[in-house]
C-alpha cells in the first residue's frame, strides 16, 4: 500500500510539473505573440496616421488618387487580439471602426463620382478622419504598454515630377541584368 501511495504522489507531482511547464510555455508564447502583434499594429497605425493627415490636409479632394486605408494586420489578427487588455481592445476596436467608416465613405464617394451629396463629402471625410486620428496617440501608448516596440519614424521620401530616382541594385540575383544569360535577355 505504501508503494501505491508513493507512486501516486510521484504521478501527481509529475502531472502537476507537466501542467505547470506547459502553462509556462504557453504563457511565454502568448507574451511573444502579443508583443509581436503590438509592434506590427504600431507600424500599421503609423501608416494610418500618415494617411489621416494626408487626407485631412488636402485642400481639394483627391479621391481618385488616394489609396484606401490599409488595415491588413488588424484584420488578420482575429483571435490574437484577445491577448491584449480590455482597454487596449476597446481603443483598437474603436480606432479601426472609425477607420473602416472613413474607408467606406471614401469608397462611396469614389463610386458616386459627381453625383451630389446632401453635405460636402470632403468635409464629411475630414470629420471622420478627425475622430479616428484623435485615437492614434492613445492606441500607440497602449500598444507600447502591451510590449510593442516603436523604433522611430518612418523614412520620408520625396520625388518631384518629372524626375525619378534610379532603382536600387537588385536584391535577388535572378533579377540582376549583369548575371542573366543571353537567352533571358533575348527580348531586350
Foldseek 3Di string as FASTA:
>chain_A
DVVVVVVVVVVVVVVVVVVVVVVVVVVVVLLVLLQVLLQVVLVLLLVVLVLLVVLLPDPDHPLVPRDQRDDVSVVVCVPSVVSADPVLSVLVVVLVVLSVVLRVLSVVCVVCPPPDDPDDSSVVSNVSSVVSSVSSVVNNVRSVVSNYDDPDDDDDDDDDPPDDDDDDQDPDPDPHVVPDDCVVVVVD
